[in-house]
């Protein structure tokens, strides 16, 4: 869909990304779990549930990103395809780091296999799958990247708190530190994908922001659901 004149994107990818990230910043107190963990007051059941839910979220998001990469390539959007391929590779790394986190939470293989995921936590990957099927790839780049900024901050806070208050090892905190750390290659891929969308008039900011707001709402559901166990 070609943007109407009043919807035309900002002049550069950086301007557009900065504006979207600011507009979609989470509301105060949007995440009730992280402050509890930061204070060492969260029940370990909530930590275990967080890790177990991620066992379902990560593979689902990986498949969604691979589908978006394929759709992007088919649409003649190589920079978008490279961005989503990089996200899929990142999910593989994250999945490998879930094992030590589960162990630190006291979850064995039998418990992990028997765990029943919650709707409140799985709404986010379900919507990512919707984006994979329906969204304009460049719009999805913007919606997802604006959401990732909040996720990275949460992961950094969790890694520090789990090490300081719960005695988790560096290896056990590796899952969260992976998402919290700088990713200059992904940042460059993000800007390239957004600029491609702008240049080819395949990016509609109002649509991407609407999708980004839904992602933020579903992420709030994720944390709120876990906080109920804390």
C-alpha atoms as a PDB file:
ATOM      1  CA  UNK A   1       0.000   0.000   0.000  1.00  0.00           C
ATOM      2  CA  UNK A   2       1.455   3.373  -1.035  1.00  0.00           C
ATOM      3  CA  UNK A   3       1.244   6.019   1.702  1.00  0.00           C
ATOM      4  CA  UNK A   4      -1.058   8.961   1.107  1.00  0.00           C
ATOM      5  CA  UNK A   5       0.679  12.363   1.053  1.00  0.00           C
ATOM      6  CA  UNK A   6      -0.103  13.083   4.692  1.00  0.00           C
ATOM      7  CA  UNK A   7       1.181   9.626   5.686  1.00  0.00           C
ATOM      8  CA  UNK A   8       4.501   9.799   3.897  1.00  0.00           C
ATOM      9  CA  UNK A   9       7.379   8.579   6.094  1.00  0.00           C
ATOM     10  CA  UNK A  10      10.002  10.758   7.689  1.00  0.00           C
ATOM     11  CA  UNK A  11      12.914  11.646   5.434  1.00  0.00           C
ATOM     12  CA  UNK A  12      15.309   9.121   6.937  1.00  0.00           C
ATOM     13  CA  UNK A  13      15.055   5.709   8.538  1.00  0.00           C
ATOM     14  CA  UNK A  14      16.718   6.974  11.730  1.00  0.00           C
ATOM     15  CA  UNK A  15      14.188   9.783  12.150  1.00  0.00           C
ATOM     16  CA  UNK A  16      11.312   7.390  11.613  1.00  0.00           C
ATOM     17  CA  UNK A  17      12.678   4.805  14.051  1.00  0.00           C
ATOM     18  CA  UNK A  18      13.424   7.353  16.771  1.00  0.00           C
ATOM     19  CA  UNK A  19       9.956   8.855  16.442  1.00  0.00           C
ATOM     20  CA  UNK A  20       8.220   5.463  16.554  1.00  0.00           C
ATOM     21  CA  UNK A  21      10.272   4.249  19.509  1.00  0.00           C
ATOM     22  CA  UNK A  22       9.392   7.375  21.485  1.00  0.00           C
ATOM     23  CA  UNK A  23       5.707   7.151  20.592  1.00  0.00           C
ATOM     24  CA  UNK A  24       5.486   3.462  21.481  1.00  0.00           C
ATOM     25  CA  UNK A  25       7.491   3.664  24.698  1.00  0.00           C
ATOM     26  CA  UNK A  26       5.734   1.613  27.399  1.00  0.00           C
ATOM     27  CA  UNK A  27       3.594   3.414  29.917  1.00  0.00           C
ATOM     28  CA  UNK A  28       4.857   3.719  33.509  1.00  0.00           C
ATOM     29  CA  UNK A  29       4.133   0.559  35.470  1.00  0.00           C
ATOM     30  CA  UNK A  30       3.364  -1.330  32.253  1.00  0.00           C
ATOM     31  CA  UNK A  31       5.558  -4.176  33.490  1.00  0.00           C
ATOM     32  CA  UNK A  32       4.605  -5.211  37.037  1.00  0.00           C
ATOM     33  CA  UNK A  33       6.988  -8.179  37.175  1.00  0.00           C
ATOM     34  CA  UNK A  34      10.394  -6.637  36.554  1.00  0.00           C
ATOM     35  CA  UNK A  35      10.243  -4.283  39.588  1.00  0.00           C
ATOM     36  CA  UNK A  36       9.388  -7.252  41.803  1.00  0.00           C
ATOM     37  CA  UNK A  37      12.342  -9.211  40.474  1.00  0.00           C
ATOM     38  CA  UNK A  38      14.576  -6.135  40.793  1.00  0.00           C
ATOM     39  CA  UNK A  39      13.671  -5.966  44.491  1.00  0.00           C
ATOM     40  CA  UNK A  40      14.173  -9.704  44.988  1.00  0.00           C
ATOM     41  CA  UNK A  41      10.494 -10.021  45.920  1.00  0.00           C
ATOM     42  CA  UNK A  42       9.217 -12.163  43.047  1.00  0.00           C
ATOM     43  CA  UNK A  43       8.360 -15.789  43.738  1.00  0.00           C
ATOM     44  CA  UNK A  44      10.568 -18.245  41.868  1.00  0.00           C
ATOM     45  CA  UNK A  45       7.425 -19.762  40.343  1.00  0.00           C
ATOM     46  CA  UNK A  46       7.077 -16.616  38.251  1.00  0.00           C
ATOM     47  CA  UNK A  47      10.687 -16.907  37.104  1.00  0.00           C
ATOM     48  CA  UNK A  48      10.154 -20.528  36.117  1.00  0.00           C
ATOM     49  CA  UNK A  49       6.960 -19.621  34.260  1.00  0.00           C
ATOM     50  CA  UNK A  50       8.818 -16.857  32.412  1.00  0.00           C
ATOM     51  CA  UNK A  51      11.416 -19.332  31.175  1.00  0.00           C
ATOM     52  CA  UNK A  52       8.788 -21.949  30.298  1.00  0.00           C
ATOM     53  CA  UNK A  53       6.681 -19.483  28.323  1.00  0.00           C
ATOM     54  CA  UNK A  54       9.777 -18.448  26.403  1.00  0.00           C
ATOM     55  CA  UNK A  55      10.256 -22.091  25.405  1.00  0.00           C
ATOM     56  CA  UNK A  56       7.106 -21.598  23.309  1.00  0.00           C
ATOM     57  CA  UNK A  57       7.588 -17.960  22.332  1.00  0.00           C
ATOM     58  CA  UNK A  58      11.092 -18.267  20.876  1.00  0.00           C
ATOM     59  CA  UNK A  59      10.439 -21.095  18.360  1.00  0.00           C
ATOM     60  CA  UNK A  60       7.161 -19.494  17.289  1.00  0.00           C
ATOM     61  CA  UNK A  61       8.787 -16.112  16.675  1.00  0.00           C
ATOM     62  CA  UNK A  62      11.643 -17.770  14.798  1.00  0.00           C
ATOM     63  CA  UNK A  63       9.215 -19.376  12.354  1.00  0.00           C
ATOM     64  CA  UNK A  64       7.360 -16.086  11.955  1.00  0.00           C
ATOM     65  CA  UNK A  65      10.592 -14.235  11.170  1.00  0.00           C
ATOM     66  CA  UNK A  66      11.611 -16.859   8.618  1.00  0.00           C
ATOM     67  CA  UNK A  67       8.236 -16.483   6.925  1.00  0.00           C
ATOM     68  CA  UNK A  68       8.637 -12.706   6.861  1.00  0.00           C
ATOM     69  CA  UNK A  69      12.119 -13.130   5.395  1.00  0.00           C
ATOM     70  CA  UNK A  70      10.716 -15.310   2.616  1.00  0.00           C
ATOM     71  CA  UNK A  71       7.848 -12.901   1.912  1.00  0.00           C
ATOM     72  CA  UNK A  72      10.301 -10.004   1.805  1.00  0.00           C
ATOM     73  CA  UNK A  73      12.535 -11.786  -0.686  1.00  0.00           C
ATOM     74  CA  UNK A  74       9.536 -12.631  -2.873  1.00  0.00           C
ATOM     75  CA  UNK A  75       8.455  -8.966  -2.782  1.00  0.00           C
ATOM     76  CA  UNK A  76      11.863  -7.714  -3.926  1.00  0.00           C
ATOM     77  CA  UNK A  77      12.821  -6.316  -0.517  1.00  0.00           C
ATOM     78  CA  UNK A  78      16.301  -7.783   0.123  1.00  0.00           C
ATOM     79  CA  UNK A  79      17.120  -5.523   3.079  1.00  0.00           C
ATOM     80  CA  UNK A  80      13.889  -6.517   4.832  1.00  0.00           C
ATOM     81  CA  UNK A  81      14.662 -10.160   4.082  1.00  0.00           C
ATOM     82  CA  UNK A  82      18.121  -9.791   5.640  1.00  0.00           C
ATOM     83  CA  UNK A  83      16.635  -8.113   8.726  1.00  0.00           C
ATOM     84  CA  UNK A  84      14.151 -10.899   9.382  1.00  0.00           C
ATOM     85  CA  UNK A  85      16.755 -13.579   8.677  1.00  0.00           C
ATOM     86  CA  UNK A  86      18.972 -11.961  11.305  1.00  0.00           C
ATOM     87  CA  UNK A  87      16.091 -11.983  13.792  1.00  0.00           C
ATOM     88  CA  UNK A  88      15.523 -15.686  13.131  1.00  0.00           C
ATOM     89  CA  UNK A  89      19.207 -16.414  13.749  1.00  0.00           C
ATOM     90  CA  UNK A  90      18.997 -14.501  17.002  1.00  0.00           C
ATOM     91  CA  UNK A  91      16.075 -16.616  18.145  1.00  0.00           C
ATOM     92  CA  UNK A  92      18.196 -19.735  17.605  1.00  0.00           C
ATOM     93  CA  UNK A  93      20.882 -18.307  19.880  1.00  0.00           C
ATOM     94  CA  UNK A  94      18.276 -17.377  22.487  1.00  0.00           C
ATOM     95  CA  UNK A  95      16.773 -20.860  22.410  1.00  0.00           C
ATOM     96  CA  UNK A  96      20.182 -22.384  23.132  1.00  0.00           C
ATOM     97  CA  UNK A  97      20.475 -20.171  26.206  1.00  0.00           C
ATOM     98  CA  UNK A  98      17.151 -21.185  27.701  1.00  0.00           C
ATOM     99  CA  UNK A  99      18.512 -24.470  29.085  1.00  0.00           C
ATOM    100  CA  UNK A 100      20.715 -22.923  31.814  1.00  0.00           C
ATOM    101  CA  UNK A 101      17.888 -20.547  32.759  1.00  0.00           C
ATOM    102  CA  UNK A 102      15.429 -23.415  33.167  1.00  0.00           C
ATOM    103  CA  UNK A 103      17.947 -25.315  35.289  1.00  0.00           C
ATOM    104  CA  UNK A 104      18.523 -22.306  37.520  1.00  0.00           C
ATOM    105  CA  UNK A 105      14.744 -22.019  37.963  1.00  0.00           C
ATOM    106  CA  UNK A 106      14.588 -25.664  39.071  1.00  0.00           C
ATOM    107  CA  UNK A 107      12.746 -26.884  35.965  1.00  0.00           C
ATOM    108  CA  UNK A 108      13.655 -30.308  34.575  1.00  0.00           C
ATOM    109  CA  UNK A 109      12.874 -31.748  31.143  1.00  0.00           C
ATOM    110  CA  UNK A 110       9.752 -33.576  32.333  1.00  0.00           C
ATOM    111  CA  UNK A 111       8.308 -30.433  33.873  1.00  0.00           C
ATOM    112  CA  UNK A 112       9.099 -28.422  30.770  1.00  0.00           C
ATOM    113  CA  UNK A 113       7.334 -30.952  28.542  1.00  0.00           C
ATOM    114  CA  UNK A 114       4.255 -31.004  30.782  1.00  0.00           C
ATOM    115  CA  UNK A 115       3.931 -27.235  31.130  1.00  0.00           C
ATOM    116  CA  UNK A 116       0.688 -25.735  29.806  1.00  0.00           C
ATOM    117  CA  UNK A 117       1.320 -22.235  28.383  1.00  0.00           C
ATOM    118  CA  UNK A 118      -0.990 -19.364  29.222  1.00  0.00           C
ATOM    119  CA  UNK A 119      -3.070 -17.343  26.781  1.00  0.00           C
ATOM    120  CA  UNK A 120      -1.856 -14.085  28.314  1.00  0.00           C
ATOM    121  CA  UNK A 121       1.764 -14.949  27.553  1.00  0.00           C
ATOM    122  CA  UNK A 122       1.187 -16.513  24.152  1.00  0.00           C
ATOM    123  CA  UNK A 123      -0.894 -13.656  22.721  1.00  0.00           C
ATOM    124  CA  UNK A 124       2.317 -11.832  21.735  1.00  0.00           C
ATOM    125  CA  UNK A 125       3.774 -14.586  19.504  1.00  0.00           C
ATOM    126  CA  UNK A 126       0.296 -15.201  18.099  1.00  0.00           C
ATOM    127  CA  UNK A 127       0.183 -11.603  16.902  1.00  0.00           C
ATOM    128  CA  UNK A 128       3.738 -11.833  15.548  1.00  0.00           C
ATOM    129  CA  UNK A 129       2.480 -14.802  13.506  1.00  0.00           C
ATOM    130  CA  UNK A 130      -0.407 -12.612  12.281  1.00  0.00           C
ATOM    131  CA  UNK A 131       2.121 -10.008  11.186  1.00  0.00           C
ATOM    132  CA  UNK A 132       4.107 -12.691   9.394  1.00  0.00           C
ATOM    133  CA  UNK A 133       1.037 -13.582   7.343  1.00  0.00           C
ATOM    134  CA  UNK A 134      -0.553 -10.191   6.819  1.00  0.00           C
ATOM    135  CA  UNK A 135       1.736  -7.224   7.424  1.00  0.00           C
ATOM    136  CA  UNK A 136       3.699  -5.301   4.855  1.00  0.00           C
ATOM    137  CA  UNK A 137       7.273  -6.411   5.680  1.00  0.00           C
ATOM    138  CA  UNK A 138       8.639  -2.888   6.107  1.00  0.00           C
ATOM    139  CA  UNK A 139       5.762  -1.997   8.425  1.00  0.00           C
ATOM    140  CA  UNK A 140       6.548  -5.079  10.511  1.00  0.00           C
ATOM    141  CA  UNK A 141      10.213  -4.016  10.720  1.00  0.00           C
ATOM    142  CA  UNK A 142       9.194  -0.726  12.301  1.00  0.00           C
ATOM    143  CA  UNK A 143       6.541  -2.180  14.611  1.00  0.00           C
ATOM    144  CA  UNK A 144       8.827  -4.909  15.924  1.00  0.00           C
ATOM    145  CA  UNK A 145      11.936  -2.775  16.315  1.00  0.00           C
ATOM    146  CA  UNK A 146      10.102  -0.098  18.292  1.00  0.00           C
ATOM    147  CA  UNK A 147       8.858  -2.851  20.622  1.00  0.00           C
ATOM    148  CA  UNK A 148      12.299  -4.437  20.980  1.00  0.00           C
ATOM    149  CA  UNK A 149      13.648  -1.308  22.679  1.00  0.00           C
ATOM    150  CA  UNK A 150      11.458  -1.915  25.726  1.00  0.00           C
ATOM    151  CA  UNK A 151      12.144  -5.666  25.732  1.00  0.00           C
ATOM    152  CA  UNK A 152      15.896  -5.108  25.782  1.00  0.00           C
ATOM    153  CA  UNK A 153      15.638  -2.815  28.784  1.00  0.00           C
ATOM    154  CA  UNK A 154      13.533  -5.336  30.675  1.00  0.00           C
ATOM    155  CA  UNK A 155      16.031  -8.096  29.931  1.00  0.00           C
ATOM    156  CA  UNK A 156      18.945  -6.025  31.218  1.00  0.00           C
ATOM    157  CA  UNK A 157      17.126  -5.340  34.492  1.00  0.00           C
ATOM    158  CA  UNK A 158      16.228  -9.009  34.886  1.00  0.00           C
ATOM    159  CA  UNK A 159      19.796 -10.185  34.307  1.00  0.00           C
ATOM    160  CA  UNK A 160      21.126  -7.824  36.992  1.00  0.00           C
ATOM    161  CA  UNK A 161      18.427  -8.762  39.487  1.00  0.00           C
ATOM    162  CA  UNK A 162      18.679 -12.507  38.950  1.00  0.00           C
ATOM    163  CA  UNK A 163      22.396 -12.382  39.539  1.00  0.00           C
ATOM    164  CA  UNK A 164      22.198 -10.058  42.517  1.00  0.00           C
ATOM    165  CA  UNK A 165      19.101 -11.295  44.364  1.00  0.00           C
ATOM    166  CA  UNK A 166      18.595 -14.886  43.255  1.00  0.00           C
ATOM    167  CA  UNK A 167      22.173 -16.089  42.870  1.00  0.00           C
ATOM    168  CA  UNK A 168      21.849 -17.018  39.191  1.00  0.00           C
ATOM    169  CA  UNK A 169      25.111 -17.699  37.382  1.00  0.00           C
ATOM    170  CA  UNK A 170      26.366 -15.777  34.370  1.00  0.00           C
ATOM    171  CA  UNK A 171      25.332 -18.725  32.209  1.00  0.00           C
ATOM    172  CA  UNK A 172      21.818 -18.735  33.659  1.00  0.00           C
ATOM    173  CA  UNK A 173      21.498 -15.008  32.923  1.00  0.00           C
ATOM    174  CA  UNK A 174      22.795 -15.447  29.380  1.00  0.00           C
ATOM    175  CA  UNK A 175      19.325 -15.564  27.833  1.00  0.00           C
ATOM    176  CA  UNK A 176      18.453 -12.096  29.117  1.00  0.00           C
ATOM    177  CA  UNK A 177      21.896 -10.636  28.516  1.00  0.00           C
ATOM    178  CA  UNK A 178      21.732 -11.716  24.882  1.00  0.00           C
ATOM    179  CA  UNK A 179      18.700  -9.507  24.304  1.00  0.00           C
ATOM    180  CA  UNK A 180      19.986  -6.680  26.516  1.00  0.00           C
ATOM    181  CA  UNK A 181      23.373  -6.349  24.855  1.00  0.00           C
ATOM    182  CA  UNK A 182      24.245  -4.028  21.973  1.00  0.00           C
ATOM    183  CA  UNK A 183      23.629  -5.379  18.472  1.00  0.00           C
ATOM    184  CA  UNK A 184      25.289  -3.005  15.986  1.00  0.00           C
ATOM    185  CA  UNK A 185      24.884  -5.395  13.041  1.00  0.00           C
ATOM    186  CA  UNK A 186      21.147  -5.698  13.702  1.00  0.00           C
ATOM    187  CA  UNK A 187      20.878  -1.938  14.115  1.00  0.00           C
ATOM    188  CA  UNK A 188      22.410  -1.458  10.667  1.00  0.00           C
ATOM    189  CA  UNK A 189      20.115  -4.111   9.198  1.00  0.00           C
ATOM    190  CA  UNK A 190      17.118  -2.370  10.766  1.00  0.00           C
ATOM    191  CA  UNK A 191      17.958   1.010   9.274  1.00  0.00           C
ATOM    192  CA  UNK A 192      18.660  -0.524   5.883  1.00  0.00           C
ATOM    193  CA  UNK A 193      15.288  -2.304   5.900  1.00  0.00           C
ATOM    194  CA  UNK A 194      13.420   0.829   6.937  1.00  0.00           C
ATOM    195  CA  UNK A 195      15.192   2.957   4.343  1.00  0.00           C
ATOM    196  CA  UNK A 196      14.323   0.361   1.716  1.00  0.00           C
ATOM    197  CA  UNK A 197      10.674   0.582   2.730  1.00  0.00           C
ATOM    198  CA  UNK A 198      10.782   4.376   2.553  1.00  0.00           C
ATOM    199  CA  UNK A 199      12.546   4.485  -0.811  1.00  0.00           C
ATOM    200  CA  UNK A 200      10.201   1.931  -2.380  1.00  0.00           C
ATOM    201  CA  UNK A 201       7.107   3.476  -0.755  1.00  0.00           C
ATOM    202  CA  UNK A 202       6.315   0.181   0.930  1.00  0.00           C
ATOM    203  CA  UNK A 203       6.137   1.552   4.462  1.00  0.00           C
ATOM    204  CA  UNK A 204       3.079   3.236   5.981  1.00  0.00           C
ATOM    205  CA  UNK A 205       3.956   4.742   9.379  1.00  0.00           C
ATOM    206  CA  UNK A 206       0.373   4.957  10.653  1.00  0.00           C
ATOM    207  CA  UNK A 207      -0.142   1.259   9.969  1.00  0.00           C
ATOM    208  CA  UNK A 208       3.195   0.294  11.524  1.00  0.00           C
ATOM    209  CA  UNK A 209       2.438   2.335  14.637  1.00  0.00           C
ATOM    210  CA  UNK A 210      -0.963   0.684  14.978  1.00  0.00           C
ATOM    211  CA  UNK A 211       0.718  -2.706  14.787  1.00  0.00           C
ATOM    212  CA  UNK A 212       3.390  -1.592  17.241  1.00  0.00           C
ATOM    213  CA  UNK A 213       0.784  -0.500  19.766  1.00  0.00           C
ATOM    214  CA  UNK A 214      -0.823  -3.915  19.613  1.00  0.00           C
ATOM    215  CA  UNK A 215       2.567  -5.529  20.188  1.00  0.00           C
ATOM    216  CA  UNK A 216       3.053  -3.330  23.247  1.00  0.00           C
ATOM    217  CA  UNK A 217      -0.400  -4.256  24.553  1.00  0.00           C
ATOM    218  CA  UNK A 218       0.296  -7.957  24.115  1.00  0.00           C
ATOM    219  CA  UNK A 219       3.652  -7.569  25.828  1.00  0.00           C
ATOM    220  CA  UNK A 220       1.908  -5.905  28.773  1.00  0.00           C
ATOM    221  CA  UNK A 221      -0.385  -8.945  28.908  1.00  0.00           C
ATOM    222  CA  UNK A 222       2.676 -11.184  28.974  1.00  0.00           C
ATOM    223  CA  UNK A 223       4.241  -9.460  31.981  1.00  0.00           C
ATOM    224  CA  UNK A 224       0.937  -8.983  33.773  1.00  0.00           C
ATOM    225  CA  UNK A 225       0.145 -12.668  33.475  1.00  0.00           C
ATOM    226  CA  UNK A 226       3.485 -13.633  34.996  1.00  0.00           C
ATOM    227  CA  UNK A 227       3.178 -11.018  37.730  1.00  0.00           C
ATOM    228  CA  UNK A 228       0.063 -12.845  38.887  1.00  0.00           C
ATOM    229  CA  UNK A 229       2.353 -15.683  39.943  1.00  0.00           C
ATOM    230  CA  UNK A 230       4.896 -13.460  41.649  1.00  0.00           C
END
